[in-house]
N, C-alpha and C. Protein backbone atom coordinates (compact mmCIF):
# COMPACT_ATOMS: atom_id res chain seq x y z
N UNK A 1 2.30 15.16 -13.37
CA UNK A 1 2.39 14.56 -15.02
C UNK A 1 2.52 13.29 -14.35
N UNK A 2 3.00 12.75 -13.66
CA UNK A 2 3.48 11.49 -13.56
C UNK A 2 2.07 9.97 -13.13
N UNK A 3 1.39 10.84 -12.55
CA UNK A 3 0.11 10.21 -12.06
C UNK A 3 -0.89 10.01 -13.31
N UNK A 4 -0.66 11.08 -14.38
CA UNK A 4 -1.62 10.88 -15.55
C UNK A 4 -0.82 9.98 -16.68
N UNK A 5 0.22 9.92 -16.21
CA UNK A 5 0.91 9.24 -17.43
C UNK A 5 0.39 7.26 -17.66
N UNK A 6 -0.22 7.08 -18.89
CA UNK A 6 -1.16 5.52 -19.13
C UNK A 6 0.22 4.27 -18.84
N UNK A 7 -0.12 3.92 -17.68
CA UNK A 7 0.93 2.36 -17.14
C UNK A 7 1.48 1.89 -18.51
N UNK A 8 1.07 1.32 -19.09
CA UNK A 8 1.09 0.54 -20.66
C UNK A 8 2.25 1.80 -21.72
N UNK A 9 1.95 3.02 -21.66
CA UNK A 9 3.17 3.65 -22.16
C UNK A 9 4.41 3.80 -21.61
N UNK A 10 3.98 3.89 -20.36
CA UNK A 10 5.41 4.02 -19.54
C UNK A 10 6.04 3.06 -19.43
N UNK A 11 5.97 1.60 -19.88
CA UNK A 11 6.90 0.36 -19.51
C UNK A 11 7.53 0.45 -20.72
N UNK A 12 6.67 1.00 -22.34
CA UNK A 12 7.46 0.92 -23.22
C UNK A 12 8.63 1.75 -23.33
N UNK A 13 8.71 2.99 -22.04
CA UNK A 13 10.20 3.40 -22.21
C UNK A 13 10.89 3.20 -21.22
N UNK A 14 10.83 2.27 -20.69
CA UNK A 14 12.12 1.26 -19.41
C UNK A 14 12.69 0.22 -20.40
N UNK A 15 13.80 -0.14 -19.71
CA UNK A 15 14.66 -0.75 -20.26
C UNK A 15 14.53 -2.33 -20.22
N UNK A 16 15.18 -2.65 -21.37
CA UNK A 16 14.69 -4.00 -21.87
C UNK A 16 14.79 -4.97 -20.29
N UNK A 17 15.68 -4.90 -19.96
CA UNK A 17 15.90 -5.57 -18.79
C UNK A 17 15.32 -5.93 -17.65
N UNK A 18 14.47 -4.16 -16.95
CA UNK A 18 13.35 -4.70 -15.88
C UNK A 18 12.10 -5.11 -16.29
N UNK A 19 11.38 -5.79 -15.44
CA UNK A 19 10.27 -7.32 -15.56
C UNK A 19 9.30 -6.29 -16.45
N UNK A 20 8.56 -7.58 -17.46
CA UNK A 20 7.45 -6.68 -18.11
C UNK A 20 6.48 -6.78 -17.49
N UNK A 21 5.50 -5.74 -18.22
CA UNK A 21 4.30 -5.66 -17.82
C UNK A 21 3.06 -6.44 -17.30
N UNK A 22 3.18 -7.46 -18.42
CA UNK A 22 2.49 -8.80 -18.46
C UNK A 22 2.84 -9.51 -16.98
N UNK A 23 4.00 -9.82 -16.91
CA UNK A 23 4.61 -10.39 -15.33
C UNK A 23 4.27 -9.36 -14.31
N UNK A 24 4.37 -8.38 -14.09
CA UNK A 24 3.94 -7.80 -13.02
C UNK A 24 2.68 -7.36 -12.73
N UNK A 25 1.40 -7.27 -14.26
CA UNK A 25 -0.05 -7.56 -13.95
C UNK A 25 -0.57 -8.76 -13.77
N UNK A 26 0.40 -9.97 -13.86
CA UNK A 26 0.19 -11.07 -13.56
C UNK A 26 -0.01 -11.29 -12.21
N UNK A 27 1.31 -10.73 -11.36
CA UNK A 27 1.48 -10.86 -10.31
C UNK A 27 0.61 -9.90 -9.48
N UNK A 28 0.15 -8.71 -10.03
CA UNK A 28 -0.86 -7.82 -9.25
C UNK A 28 -2.09 -9.02 -9.29
N UNK A 29 -2.63 -9.83 -10.24
CA UNK A 29 -4.01 -10.32 -10.58
C UNK A 29 -3.77 -11.58 -9.72
N UNK A 30 -2.72 -11.74 -9.58
CA UNK A 30 -2.76 -13.25 -8.29
C UNK A 30 -3.08 -12.77 -6.79
N UNK A 31 -2.18 -11.81 -6.64
CA UNK A 31 -2.93 -11.11 -5.23
C UNK A 31 -3.75 -11.17 -5.22
N UNK A 32 -4.45 -10.42 -6.34
CA UNK A 32 -6.46 -9.73 -6.14
C UNK A 32 -7.22 -11.37 -6.07
N UNK A 33 -6.67 -11.97 -6.82
CA UNK A 33 -7.41 -13.36 -6.79
C UNK A 33 -7.10 -14.19 -5.01
N UNK A 34 -5.66 -13.94 -4.87
CA UNK A 34 -6.06 -14.99 -3.80
C UNK A 34 -6.29 -14.46 -2.75
N UNK A 35 -6.38 -12.42 -2.23
CA UNK A 35 -6.87 -11.76 -1.44
C UNK A 35 -8.73 -12.06 -1.31
N UNK A 36 -9.04 -12.23 -2.95
CA UNK A 36 -10.30 -12.17 -2.84
C UNK A 36 -10.91 -14.04 -2.24
N UNK A 37 -9.97 -14.91 -2.97
CA UNK A 37 -10.18 -16.36 -2.38
C UNK A 37 -10.30 -16.10 -0.86
N UNK A 38 -9.35 -15.89 -0.08
CA UNK A 38 -9.09 -15.75 0.81
C UNK A 38 -10.31 -14.95 1.91
N UNK A 39 -10.59 -13.86 1.73
CA UNK A 39 -11.77 -13.12 2.01
C UNK A 39 -13.16 -13.81 2.12
N UNK A 40 -13.15 -14.57 0.69
CA UNK A 40 -14.75 -15.37 1.06
C UNK A 40 -14.64 -16.61 1.74
N UNK A 41 -13.48 -17.56 1.50
CA UNK A 41 -12.81 -18.80 2.65
C UNK A 41 -13.25 -18.10 3.92
N UNK A 42 -12.92 -16.95 4.44
CA UNK A 42 -13.53 -16.27 6.05
C UNK A 42 -14.23 -16.08 6.29
N UNK A 43 -15.21 -15.69 4.81
CA UNK A 43 -16.35 -15.47 5.20
C UNK A 43 -16.79 -16.60 5.82
N UNK A 44 -16.82 -17.53 4.94
CA UNK A 44 -17.61 -18.93 4.69
C UNK A 44 -17.76 -19.57 6.20
N UNK A 45 -16.29 -19.57 6.45
CA UNK A 45 -15.73 -20.71 7.96
C UNK A 45 -16.37 -20.20 8.92
N UNK A 46 -16.26 -18.47 9.18
CA UNK A 46 -16.78 -17.88 9.81
C UNK A 46 -18.52 -18.32 10.31
N UNK A 47 -19.29 -17.56 9.36
CA UNK A 47 -20.41 -18.07 9.10
C UNK A 47 -21.07 -19.09 9.25
N UNK A 48 -20.16 -20.11 8.81
CA UNK A 48 -20.98 -21.72 9.24
C UNK A 48 -20.46 -22.10 10.68
N UNK A 49 -19.16 -21.57 11.44
CA UNK A 49 -19.26 -21.51 12.41
C UNK A 49 -19.97 -21.21 13.43
N UNK A 50 -20.59 -19.94 13.31
CA UNK A 50 -21.35 -19.12 13.66
C UNK A 50 -22.87 -19.66 13.79
N UNK A 51 -23.57 -20.11 12.60
CA UNK A 51 -24.44 -21.12 12.31
C UNK A 51 -24.79 -22.24 13.45
N UNK A 52 -23.21 -23.06 13.66
CA UNK A 52 -22.91 -23.85 14.40
C UNK A 52 -23.05 -24.02 15.47
N UNK A 53 -22.85 -22.79 16.29
CA UNK A 53 -22.82 -22.49 17.97
C UNK A 53 -24.45 -21.89 18.30
N UNK A 54 -24.87 -21.53 17.25
CA UNK A 54 -26.43 -21.19 17.63
C UNK A 54 -27.32 -22.44 17.72
N UNK A 55 -26.96 -23.44 16.88
CA UNK A 55 -27.58 -24.98 16.34
C UNK A 55 -27.30 -25.86 18.04
N UNK A 56 -25.65 -25.28 18.41
CA UNK A 56 -25.71 -26.29 19.65
C UNK A 56 -26.26 -25.25 20.78
N UNK A 57 -26.38 -24.52 21.09
CA UNK A 57 -27.10 -23.59 22.03
C UNK A 57 -28.84 -24.01 21.96
N UNK A 58 -29.27 -24.44 20.72
CA UNK A 58 -30.48 -24.81 20.21
C UNK A 58 -31.15 -25.60 20.51
N UNK A 59 -29.81 -26.87 20.52
CA UNK A 59 -29.82 -28.63 20.87
C UNK A 59 -29.66 -28.90 22.15
N UNK A 60 -28.68 -27.99 22.67
CA UNK A 60 -28.18 -28.82 24.15
C UNK A 60 -28.77 -27.93 24.71
N UNK A 61 -28.79 -27.00 25.23
CA UNK A 61 -30.02 -25.90 26.02
C UNK A 61 -29.37 -25.88 27.82
N UNK A 62 -28.14 -25.42 27.01
CA UNK A 62 -27.04 -24.78 28.37
C UNK A 62 -27.74 -24.34 29.48
N UNK A 63 -27.66 -25.11 30.53
CA UNK A 63 -28.12 -24.03 32.17
C UNK A 63 -27.74 -22.80 32.26
N UNK A 64 -26.60 -22.87 32.32
CA UNK A 64 -25.69 -21.21 32.96
C UNK A 64 -25.57 -20.34 32.38
N UNK A 65 -25.58 -19.49 33.18
CA UNK A 65 -25.70 -17.86 31.92
C UNK A 65 -24.19 -17.83 31.40
N UNK A 66 -22.94 -18.71 32.10
CA UNK A 66 -21.45 -18.34 31.68
C UNK A 66 -21.53 -19.11 30.33
N UNK A 67 -22.31 -19.94 30.44
CA UNK A 67 -22.16 -20.81 29.28
C UNK A 67 -22.78 -19.89 27.70
N UNK A 68 -24.44 -19.25 28.01
CA UNK A 68 -25.13 -18.00 27.16
C UNK A 68 -24.03 -16.98 26.49
N UNK A 69 -23.41 -16.46 27.76
CA UNK A 69 -22.68 -15.29 27.30
C UNK A 69 -21.30 -16.06 26.99
N UNK A 70 -20.67 -17.35 27.26
CA UNK A 70 -19.79 -17.49 26.06
C UNK A 70 -19.85 -17.69 24.79
N UNK A 71 -21.30 -18.04 24.42
CA UNK A 71 -21.46 -18.49 22.81
C UNK A 71 -22.05 -17.09 22.06
N UNK A 72 -22.65 -16.18 23.24
CA UNK A 72 -22.53 -14.40 22.19
C UNK A 72 -21.18 -14.02 22.55
N UNK A 73 -20.38 -13.92 23.22
CA UNK A 73 -19.69 -13.56 23.15
C UNK A 73 -18.63 -14.11 21.85
N UNK A 74 -18.53 -15.31 21.44
CA UNK A 74 -17.68 -16.16 20.72
C UNK A 74 -18.55 -15.47 19.35
N UNK A 75 -19.34 -15.36 19.21
CA UNK A 75 -20.48 -15.09 17.83
C UNK A 75 -19.98 -13.86 17.43
N UNK A 76 -20.29 -13.17 18.68
CA UNK A 76 -19.87 -11.65 18.41
C UNK A 76 -18.81 -11.26 18.13
N UNK A 77 -17.43 -11.98 18.82
CA UNK A 77 -15.90 -12.07 18.09
C UNK A 77 -16.12 -12.10 16.76
N UNK A 78 -16.68 -13.35 16.21
CA UNK A 78 -16.48 -13.73 14.61
C UNK A 78 -17.41 -12.45 13.90
N UNK A 79 -18.33 -12.06 14.01
CA UNK A 79 -19.33 -11.36 13.65
C UNK A 79 -18.59 -9.97 13.57
N UNK A 80 -18.02 -9.67 14.31
CA UNK A 80 -16.79 -8.05 14.73
C UNK A 80 -15.72 -8.59 13.34
N UNK A 81 -15.42 -9.27 13.52
CA UNK A 81 -14.19 -9.60 12.55
C UNK A 81 -14.52 -9.39 11.34
N UNK A 82 -15.52 -10.58 11.17
CA UNK A 82 -16.07 -10.54 9.58
C UNK A 82 -16.59 -9.59 8.79
N UNK A 83 -17.03 -8.57 9.58
CA UNK A 83 -17.79 -7.28 9.10
C UNK A 83 -16.67 -6.18 8.58
N UNK A 84 -15.58 -6.33 9.69
CA UNK A 84 -14.35 -5.44 9.54
C UNK A 84 -13.71 -6.03 8.15
N UNK A 85 -12.98 -7.44 7.95
CA UNK A 85 -12.32 -8.01 7.22
C UNK A 85 -13.23 -7.78 5.82
N UNK A 86 -14.83 -7.41 5.89
CA UNK A 86 -15.26 -7.16 4.11
C UNK A 86 -15.14 -6.08 3.82
N UNK A 87 -14.36 -5.32 4.49
CA UNK A 87 -14.35 -3.95 4.16
C UNK A 87 -12.78 -3.80 3.31
N UNK A 88 -12.10 -4.56 2.88
CA UNK A 88 -11.15 -5.01 2.46
C UNK A 88 -11.50 -5.57 0.98
N UNK A 89 -12.73 -5.77 1.01
CA UNK A 89 -13.34 -6.52 -0.38
C UNK A 89 -13.23 -5.54 -1.77
N UNK A 90 -13.73 -4.41 -1.81
CA UNK A 90 -13.28 -3.59 -2.45
C UNK A 90 -12.27 -3.06 -3.07
N UNK A 91 -11.27 -3.15 -2.58
CA UNK A 91 -9.71 -2.63 -2.41
C UNK A 91 -9.39 -3.96 -3.36
N UNK A 92 -9.30 -5.51 -3.04
CA UNK A 92 -9.14 -6.53 -3.67
C UNK A 92 -9.72 -6.49 -5.30
N UNK A 93 -10.60 -6.42 -5.14
CA UNK A 93 -11.75 -6.18 -6.78
C UNK A 93 -11.25 -5.54 -7.64
N UNK A 94 -10.77 -4.08 -6.80
CA UNK A 94 -10.84 -3.21 -8.08
C UNK A 94 -8.79 -3.30 -8.10
N UNK A 95 -7.55 -4.27 -7.60
CA UNK A 95 -6.54 -4.22 -7.26
C UNK A 95 -6.03 -4.12 -9.02
N UNK A 96 -6.95 -4.81 -10.26
CA UNK A 96 -5.79 -4.17 -10.86
C UNK A 96 -6.81 -3.81 -12.00
N UNK A 97 -7.36 -2.57 -12.38
CA UNK A 97 -8.61 -2.07 -12.69
C UNK A 97 -8.37 -0.34 -12.69
N UNK A 98 -7.23 -0.42 -12.59
CA UNK A 98 -6.73 1.25 -12.41
C UNK A 98 -5.87 1.42 -13.82
N UNK A 99 -6.18 3.12 -14.51
CA UNK A 99 -4.98 2.99 -15.53
C UNK A 99 -3.95 3.71 -15.56
N UNK A 100 -3.36 4.26 -14.21
CA UNK A 100 -2.25 4.95 -14.18
C UNK A 100 -1.57 4.19 -12.94
N UNK A 101 -0.06 4.01 -13.13
CA UNK A 101 0.92 3.29 -11.67
C UNK A 101 0.29 3.90 -10.46
N UNK A 102 -0.10 5.64 -10.50
CA UNK A 102 -0.35 6.00 -8.89
C UNK A 102 -0.96 5.73 -8.57
N UNK A 103 -2.23 5.10 -9.06
CA UNK A 103 -3.64 4.35 -8.88
C UNK A 103 -3.32 3.26 -8.43
N UNK A 104 -2.59 2.48 -9.01
CA UNK A 104 -2.45 1.55 -8.38
C UNK A 104 -1.71 1.02 -6.93
N UNK A 105 -0.51 1.98 -7.23
CA UNK A 105 0.42 2.33 -5.58
C UNK A 105 -0.41 2.53 -4.87
N UNK A 106 -1.18 3.74 -4.90
CA UNK A 106 -2.62 4.34 -3.89
C UNK A 106 -3.55 3.34 -3.37
N UNK A 107 -4.00 2.17 -4.56
CA UNK A 107 -4.97 1.58 -3.89
C UNK A 107 -3.71 0.29 -2.80
N UNK A 108 -2.61 -0.59 -3.45
CA UNK A 108 -2.23 -1.24 -2.79
C UNK A 108 -1.46 -0.86 -1.35
N UNK A 109 -1.74 0.52 -1.50
CA UNK A 109 -0.91 0.85 0.26
C UNK A 109 -2.29 1.00 1.61
N UNK A 110 -3.07 1.26 0.13
CA UNK A 110 -4.58 1.70 0.72
C UNK A 110 -5.35 -0.15 2.09
N UNK A 111 -4.46 -0.57 1.08
CA UNK A 111 -4.89 -2.55 1.34
C UNK A 111 -3.64 -2.75 2.35
N UNK A 112 -2.78 -2.17 2.21
CA UNK A 112 -1.30 -2.55 3.23
C UNK A 112 -2.15 -1.91 4.77
N UNK A 113 -2.66 -0.19 4.54
CA UNK A 113 -3.15 -0.12 5.98
C UNK A 113 -3.74 -0.98 6.69
N UNK A 114 -5.19 -1.25 5.85
CA UNK A 114 -6.35 -2.07 6.06
C UNK A 114 -5.61 -2.80 6.76
N UNK A 115 -5.16 -4.01 5.61
CA UNK A 115 -4.57 -5.15 6.45
C UNK A 115 -3.72 -5.11 7.51
N UNK A 116 -2.85 -4.08 7.66
CA UNK A 116 -2.15 -4.03 9.04
C UNK A 116 -3.22 -4.10 10.02
N UNK A 117 -4.29 -2.98 9.88
CA UNK A 117 -5.44 -2.82 10.78
C UNK A 117 -6.07 -3.85 11.63
N UNK A 118 -6.56 -5.06 10.06
CA UNK A 118 -7.06 -6.42 10.79
C UNK A 118 -6.02 -7.00 11.42
N UNK A 119 -4.62 -7.17 11.44
CA UNK A 119 -3.43 -8.09 11.81
C UNK A 119 -3.75 -7.81 13.33
N UNK A 120 -3.76 -6.70 13.34
CA UNK A 120 -3.33 -5.71 14.99
C UNK A 120 -4.66 -5.52 15.56
N UNK A 121 -5.15 -4.56 15.86
CA UNK A 121 -6.43 -4.15 16.19
C UNK A 121 -7.95 -4.78 16.12
N UNK A 122 -8.02 -5.44 15.08
CA UNK A 122 -9.18 -5.97 14.69
C UNK A 122 -8.78 -7.84 14.97
N UNK A 123 -7.63 -8.40 14.88
CA UNK A 123 -7.22 -9.64 15.56
C UNK A 123 -6.84 -9.50 17.17
N UNK A 124 -6.76 -8.87 17.77
CA UNK A 124 -6.34 -8.88 19.20
C UNK A 124 -8.21 -8.72 19.56
N UNK A 125 -8.79 -7.88 18.91
CA UNK A 125 -9.92 -8.05 19.57
C UNK A 125 -10.47 -9.71 19.35
N UNK A 126 -10.55 -9.87 18.69
CA UNK A 126 -11.15 -11.44 18.13
C UNK A 126 -10.51 -11.98 18.84
N UNK A 127 -9.07 -12.43 18.95
CA UNK A 127 -8.69 -13.61 20.05
C UNK A 127 -9.03 -13.12 21.64
N UNK A 128 -9.39 -12.11 21.72
CA UNK A 128 -9.97 -11.48 23.31
C UNK A 128 -11.31 -12.10 23.61
N UNK A 129 -11.82 -11.73 22.90
CA UNK A 129 -13.32 -11.94 22.60
C UNK A 129 -13.51 -13.67 22.59
N UNK A 130 -12.53 -14.04 21.53
CA UNK A 130 -13.12 -15.56 21.26
C UNK A 130 -12.43 -16.30 22.39
N UNK A 131 -11.13 -15.85 22.99
CA UNK A 131 -10.77 -16.69 24.17
C UNK A 131 -11.57 -16.78 25.38
N UNK A 132 -12.26 -15.74 25.48
CA UNK A 132 -13.16 -15.14 26.86
C UNK A 132 -14.44 -16.38 26.54
N UNK A 133 -14.91 -16.02 25.44
CA UNK A 133 -16.11 -16.73 24.77
C UNK A 133 -16.03 -18.45 25.10
N UNK A 134 -14.79 -18.76 24.89
CA UNK A 134 -14.54 -20.39 24.95
C UNK A 134 -14.47 -21.09 26.09
N UNK A 135 -13.74 -19.72 27.08
CA UNK A 135 -13.43 -20.01 28.62
C UNK A 135 -15.13 -20.16 28.96
N UNK A 136 -15.53 -19.23 29.14
CA UNK A 136 -17.26 -18.85 29.56
C UNK A 136 -18.21 -20.32 28.95
N UNK A 137 -18.15 -20.45 28.02
CA UNK A 137 -18.71 -21.45 27.56
C UNK A 137 -18.61 -23.12 28.15
N UNK A 138 -17.06 -23.44 27.98
CA UNK A 138 -16.92 -24.53 28.76
C UNK A 138 -16.85 -25.02 30.60
N UNK A 139 -16.96 -23.86 30.74
CA UNK A 139 -17.09 -23.97 32.39
C UNK A 139 -18.41 -24.64 32.93
N UNK A 140 -19.66 -24.28 32.50
CA UNK A 140 -20.41 -25.72 32.49
C UNK A 140 -20.50 -27.25 32.29
N UNK A 141 -19.50 -27.39 31.44
CA UNK A 141 -19.25 -28.85 31.12
C UNK A 141 -17.78 -29.15 31.94
N UNK A 142 -17.10 -28.43 32.29
CA UNK A 142 -15.89 -28.61 32.88
C UNK A 142 -16.27 -28.85 34.20
N UNK A 143 -17.24 -28.40 34.75
CA UNK A 143 -17.70 -28.49 35.85
C UNK A 143 -18.07 -29.98 36.10
N UNK A 144 -18.61 -30.99 35.00
CA UNK A 144 -19.06 -31.78 35.47
C UNK A 144 -18.25 -32.95 35.22
N UNK A 145 -16.99 -32.71 34.92
CA UNK A 145 -15.78 -33.90 34.93
C UNK A 145 -14.61 -33.62 36.09
N UNK A 146 -14.11 -34.85 35.85
CA UNK A 146 -13.44 -34.91 37.62
C UNK A 146 -12.61 -33.43 37.01
N UNK A 147 -11.37 -33.06 38.31
CA UNK A 147 -10.74 -31.70 38.28
C UNK A 147 -10.05 -32.02 37.47
N UNK A 148 -9.08 -33.17 37.44
CA UNK A 148 -7.72 -33.51 36.54
C UNK A 148 -8.42 -33.27 35.20
N UNK A 149 -9.62 -33.70 34.49
CA UNK A 149 -10.23 -33.77 33.21
C UNK A 149 -9.95 -32.64 32.99
N UNK A 150 -10.96 -31.82 33.99
CA UNK A 150 -11.65 -30.46 33.58
C UNK A 150 -10.12 -29.58 33.09
N UNK A 151 -9.46 -29.45 33.90
CA UNK A 151 -7.90 -28.21 33.75
C UNK A 151 -7.43 -28.72 32.53
N UNK A 152 -7.06 -30.40 32.06
CA UNK A 152 -6.56 -30.48 30.88
C UNK A 152 -7.62 -30.55 29.82
N UNK A 153 -8.55 -30.26 30.23
CA UNK A 153 -9.61 -29.53 28.71
C UNK A 153 -8.62 -27.73 28.55
N UNK A 154 -9.36 -27.42 29.39
CA UNK A 154 -9.09 -25.67 29.81
C UNK A 154 -7.34 -25.33 29.19
N UNK A 155 -6.24 -26.28 29.82
CA UNK A 155 -4.64 -26.62 29.50
C UNK A 155 -5.04 -26.59 27.68
N UNK A 156 -5.33 -27.83 27.27
CA UNK A 156 -5.38 -27.96 25.82
C UNK A 156 -6.07 -26.86 24.81
N UNK A 157 -7.30 -26.12 25.76
CA UNK A 157 -7.61 -25.02 24.55
C UNK A 157 -7.03 -23.80 24.78
N UNK A 158 -6.88 -23.61 25.98
CA UNK A 158 -5.89 -22.15 25.84
C UNK A 158 -4.35 -22.32 25.04
N UNK A 159 -3.63 -23.76 25.12
CA UNK A 159 -2.56 -23.76 24.49
C UNK A 159 -2.91 -23.63 23.05
N UNK A 160 -4.47 -24.47 22.38
CA UNK A 160 -4.58 -24.19 21.25
C UNK A 160 -4.66 -22.62 20.86
N UNK A 161 -4.72 -21.77 21.53
CA UNK A 161 -5.59 -20.41 21.37
C UNK A 161 -3.73 -19.84 20.99
N UNK A 162 -3.02 -20.25 21.82
CA UNK A 162 -1.48 -19.19 22.14
C UNK A 162 -0.87 -19.96 20.94
N UNK A 163 -1.17 -21.19 20.37
CA UNK A 163 0.07 -21.89 19.25
C UNK A 163 -0.52 -20.57 17.63
N UNK A 164 -2.03 -20.59 18.17
CA UNK A 164 -2.81 -19.68 17.20
C UNK A 164 -2.13 -18.39 16.99
N UNK A 165 -2.25 -17.98 18.15
CA UNK A 165 -2.05 -16.37 18.49
C UNK A 165 -0.23 -15.98 18.03
N UNK A 166 0.81 -16.90 18.73
CA UNK A 166 2.11 -16.85 19.02
C UNK A 166 2.88 -17.36 17.70
N UNK A 167 2.11 -17.98 17.13
CA UNK A 167 2.87 -18.85 15.77
C UNK A 167 2.41 -19.00 14.61
N UNK A 168 0.88 -19.70 14.39
CA UNK A 168 0.14 -18.90 13.04
C UNK A 168 0.11 -17.73 12.78
N UNK A 169 -0.23 -16.77 13.39
CA UNK A 169 -0.92 -15.58 13.32
C UNK A 169 0.63 -14.74 12.77
N UNK A 170 1.83 -14.52 13.46
CA UNK A 170 2.53 -14.09 12.76
C UNK A 170 3.34 -14.75 11.28
N UNK A 171 3.27 -15.71 11.31
CA UNK A 171 3.54 -16.25 10.14
C UNK A 171 2.96 -16.24 9.26
N UNK A 172 1.61 -16.54 9.36
CA UNK A 172 0.60 -15.93 8.18
C UNK A 172 1.11 -14.42 7.41
N UNK A 173 1.22 -13.36 9.03
CA UNK A 173 0.81 -12.34 8.75
C UNK A 173 2.10 -12.05 8.18
N UNK A 174 3.16 -12.68 8.49
CA UNK A 174 4.91 -12.18 7.06
C UNK A 174 4.38 -12.44 6.00
N UNK A 175 3.86 -13.43 5.61
CA UNK A 175 3.27 -14.29 4.35
C UNK A 175 2.73 -13.12 3.32
N UNK A 176 1.87 -12.43 4.11
CA UNK A 176 0.87 -11.49 3.58
C UNK A 176 1.75 -10.60 3.21
N UNK A 177 2.42 -9.75 4.09
CA UNK A 177 3.21 -8.40 4.39
C UNK A 177 4.43 -8.61 3.03
N UNK A 178 4.92 -9.74 3.06
CA UNK A 178 5.85 -9.79 1.91
C UNK A 178 5.42 -10.20 0.61
N UNK A 179 4.54 -10.66 -0.03
CA UNK A 179 3.72 -10.48 -1.20
C UNK A 179 3.48 -9.12 -1.33
N UNK A 180 2.69 -8.16 -0.44
CA UNK A 180 2.35 -7.01 -0.88
C UNK A 180 3.57 -5.85 -0.68
N UNK A 181 4.64 -6.05 -0.47
CA UNK A 181 5.46 -5.39 -0.53
C UNK A 181 6.36 -5.25 -1.58
N UNK A 182 6.30 -6.62 -2.05
CA UNK A 182 6.78 -7.14 -3.23
C UNK A 182 5.95 -5.40 -4.32
N UNK A 183 4.99 -6.18 -4.12
CA UNK A 183 3.77 -5.14 -5.18
C UNK A 183 3.84 -4.02 -5.30
N UNK A 184 4.56 -3.47 -3.77
CA UNK A 184 4.26 -1.69 -3.40
C UNK A 184 5.56 -1.17 -4.19
N UNK A 185 6.92 -2.17 -3.62
CA UNK A 185 8.35 -1.84 -4.25
C UNK A 185 8.09 -2.03 -5.97
N UNK A 186 7.80 -2.39 -6.11
CA UNK A 186 7.62 -2.26 -7.93
C UNK A 186 7.27 -1.10 -8.19
N UNK A 187 6.15 -1.00 -7.83
CA UNK A 187 5.17 0.35 -8.32
C UNK A 187 6.07 1.68 -7.91
N UNK A 188 6.39 1.70 -6.66
CA UNK A 188 7.42 2.99 -6.43
C UNK A 188 8.70 2.80 -7.21
N UNK A 189 9.33 1.85 -7.93
CA UNK A 189 10.39 1.61 -8.43
C UNK A 189 9.80 2.62 -9.84
N UNK A 190 8.80 2.36 -10.58
CA UNK A 190 7.98 2.92 -11.77
C UNK A 190 7.87 4.26 -11.16
N UNK A 191 7.17 4.62 -10.43
CA UNK A 191 7.34 6.55 -9.66
C UNK A 191 8.24 6.84 -10.09
N UNK A 192 9.54 6.35 -9.49
CA UNK A 192 10.79 6.96 -9.27
C UNK A 192 11.75 7.07 -10.63
N UNK A 193 11.26 6.37 -11.17
CA UNK A 193 11.61 6.28 -13.13
C UNK A 193 11.23 7.04 -13.86
N UNK A 194 9.52 7.18 -13.16
CA UNK A 194 9.36 8.68 -14.03
C UNK A 194 9.64 9.89 -13.54
N UNK A 195 9.93 10.01 -12.39
CA UNK A 195 9.81 10.98 -11.68
C UNK A 195 11.59 11.76 -12.73
N UNK A 196 12.37 10.82 -12.67
CA UNK A 196 13.56 10.73 -13.46
C UNK A 196 13.26 11.02 -14.98
N UNK A 197 12.29 10.75 -15.74
CA UNK A 197 12.17 10.61 -16.99
C UNK A 197 11.52 12.23 -17.35
N UNK A 198 10.87 12.81 -15.75
CA UNK A 198 10.39 13.75 -15.96
C UNK A 198 11.49 15.11 -15.82
N UNK A 199 12.51 14.75 -14.77
CA UNK A 199 13.71 15.63 -15.13
C UNK A 199 14.28 15.41 -16.01
N UNK A 200 14.83 14.38 -16.59
CA UNK A 200 15.15 14.39 -17.84
C UNK A 200 14.75 14.98 -19.41
N UNK A 201 13.48 15.11 -18.89
CA UNK A 201 12.79 15.78 -20.15
C UNK A 201 12.44 17.38 -19.91
N UNK A 202 12.78 17.86 -18.92
CA UNK A 202 12.18 19.17 -18.46
C UNK A 202 13.10 20.39 -19.09
């Protein structure tokens, strides 16, 4: 029964002290729009970077096979990540277009599951391939530098990758999970209230 009750009709049955429907829907639309913007921005940045890498290959004509493998690996990492990330598009797009509260909740839980997959498996694969690709790419040019300078370039590059992985990544994940968990808890609360209403009316 609860899965078929209209969300707006349900809200009219709730006590006045609870958040208004318009506020919750505004929060949901805000989450959806930010998710879509983040997805589009990621696509644009990664595609521009991949195009830039192809131009670097064409213009500088690297000589060593390690440099070419590095470029291919880096481009592959970005391509795999962006293709996997784009699977979230349809879920973000439809986040506020359902009729029942159970459909809203199901969509949000699906987003959370897929987002978790992106934040763990896909992001790990991305960073491994990216780190390998960058290190291989740098090898040809670092070889032309004095030893100390070459080691410094590698050290700074690895430090930047580590900073992204150990600091920026967890911080971003925590922020994204917090926003999504708030929405899920609100819709779970509504489902519990529906069950209570069903028991009272039985």
